[in-house]
Protein backbone atom coordinates (compact mmCIF):
# COMPACT_ATOMS: atom_id res chain seq x y z
CA MET A 1 25.25 -16.20 -8.78
CA SER A 2 26.60 -17.13 -12.20
CA SER A 3 27.34 -14.76 -15.04
CA THR A 4 24.32 -16.09 -16.94
CA GLN A 5 22.19 -15.49 -13.88
CA ASN A 6 23.40 -11.93 -13.45
CA PRO A 7 23.63 -9.99 -16.73
CA SER A 8 24.11 -6.75 -14.77
CA LEU A 9 27.55 -7.81 -13.65
CA SER A 10 28.65 -8.78 -17.15
CA THR A 11 29.29 -5.09 -17.90
CA VAL A 12 31.92 -4.63 -15.22
CA GLU A 13 32.85 -1.12 -16.38
CA THR A 14 29.45 0.24 -15.41
CA VAL A 15 29.45 -1.30 -11.93
CA PRO A 16 31.37 0.50 -9.18
CA ALA A 17 34.42 -1.37 -7.98
CA ASP A 18 33.09 -1.80 -4.44
CA LEU A 19 29.91 -3.41 -5.73
CA GLN A 20 31.97 -5.69 -7.98
CA ARG A 21 34.08 -6.75 -5.00
CA LEU A 22 30.95 -7.40 -2.98
CA ALA A 23 29.51 -9.55 -5.78
CA ASP A 24 32.79 -11.47 -6.02
CA SER A 25 32.78 -12.00 -2.25
CA ILE A 26 29.20 -13.28 -2.42
CA ASN A 27 30.22 -15.67 -5.21
CA ASN A 28 32.89 -17.08 -2.91
CA LEU A 29 30.37 -17.89 -0.17
CA PRO A 30 28.88 -21.36 0.17
CA SER A 31 26.22 -21.82 -2.50
CA GLU A 32 23.23 -21.75 -0.10
CA TYR A 33 24.26 -18.30 1.19
CA ALA A 34 25.23 -17.05 -2.24
CA MET A 35 21.82 -18.06 -3.63
CA GLN A 36 20.10 -16.09 -0.86
CA LEU A 37 22.19 -12.97 -1.42
CA ALA A 38 22.26 -13.09 -5.24
CA PRO A 39 18.87 -11.40 -5.78
CA LEU A 40 19.76 -8.64 -3.34
CA ILE A 41 23.08 -7.78 -4.98
CA ASP A 42 21.41 -8.00 -8.40
CA ALA A 43 18.83 -5.44 -7.28
CA VAL A 44 21.54 -3.13 -5.95
CA VAL A 45 23.54 -3.40 -9.17
CA GLU A 46 20.48 -2.73 -11.33
CA SER A 47 19.53 0.24 -9.18
CA THR A 48 23.05 1.64 -9.40
CA CYS A 49 23.16 1.26 -13.18
CA ARG A 50 19.72 2.83 -13.56
CA ARG A 51 20.78 5.80 -11.42
CA ARG A 52 23.89 6.28 -13.54
CA ARG A 53 21.84 6.21 -16.74
CA ILE A 54 19.39 8.72 -15.28
CA LEU A 55 22.23 10.98 -14.12
CA THR A 56 23.77 10.88 -17.59
CA LEU A 57 20.41 11.74 -19.20
CA VAL A 58 19.89 14.64 -16.79
CA GLN A 59 23.41 15.96 -17.40
CA ASP A 60 22.86 15.77 -21.18
CA ALA A 61 19.51 17.52 -20.86
CA LEU A 62 21.07 20.30 -18.78
CA GLY A 63 23.84 20.73 -21.30
CA GLN A 64 21.29 21.04 -24.09
CA LEU A 65 19.24 23.49 -22.03
CA ARG A 66 22.31 25.67 -21.44
CA LEU A 67 23.05 25.68 -25.16
CA ASP A 68 19.43 26.53 -25.99
CA MET A 69 19.52 29.38 -23.47
CA LYS A 70 22.66 30.80 -25.12
CA TYR A 71 20.97 30.71 -28.51
CA LEU A 72 17.85 32.36 -27.11
CA MET A 73 19.87 35.10 -25.44
CA PHE A 74 21.75 35.75 -28.67
CA ASP A 75 18.45 35.88 -30.59
CA LEU A 76 16.94 38.25 -28.03
CA GLU A 77 19.93 40.59 -28.21
CA ALA A 78 19.81 40.57 -32.01
CA THR A 79 16.07 41.25 -31.97
CA ARG A 80 16.57 44.19 -29.60
CA ARG A 81 19.33 45.62 -31.80
CA GLU A 82 17.08 45.32 -34.86
CA ARG A 83 14.20 46.97 -32.98
CA ASP A 84 16.38 49.88 -31.87
CA GLU A 85 17.70 50.29 -35.40
CA TYR A 86 14.19 50.33 -36.88
CA ARG A 87 13.08 52.86 -34.25
CA SER A 88 15.92 55.17 -35.12
CA GLN A 89 15.12 54.80 -38.83
CA LEU A 90 11.47 55.57 -38.11
CA GLU A 91 12.38 58.64 -36.09
CA GLU A 92 14.61 59.89 -38.92
CA PHE A 93 11.85 59.27 -41.44
CA GLU A 94 9.24 61.13 -39.35
CA SER A 95 11.45 64.16 -38.80
């Protein structure tokens, strides 16, 4: 499992420390065992990185949704105030 063989492990900061230690331990095994385990650890690392990216995207989307909801609530309150003001003006005009 060389660094050219495993691009996922080249970005160490995105891989959890325990997975990095596991990959290092696999690299220290005899080559026949390391070659058998390399695809498995690669799949785990890729899955972990993908999950982190998805989690980040979901968190960003939720943050944007919260902000959008605040804007919508503000707009709704302003619209209600305007409606009430127009109603009172209409009632004054009619009387």
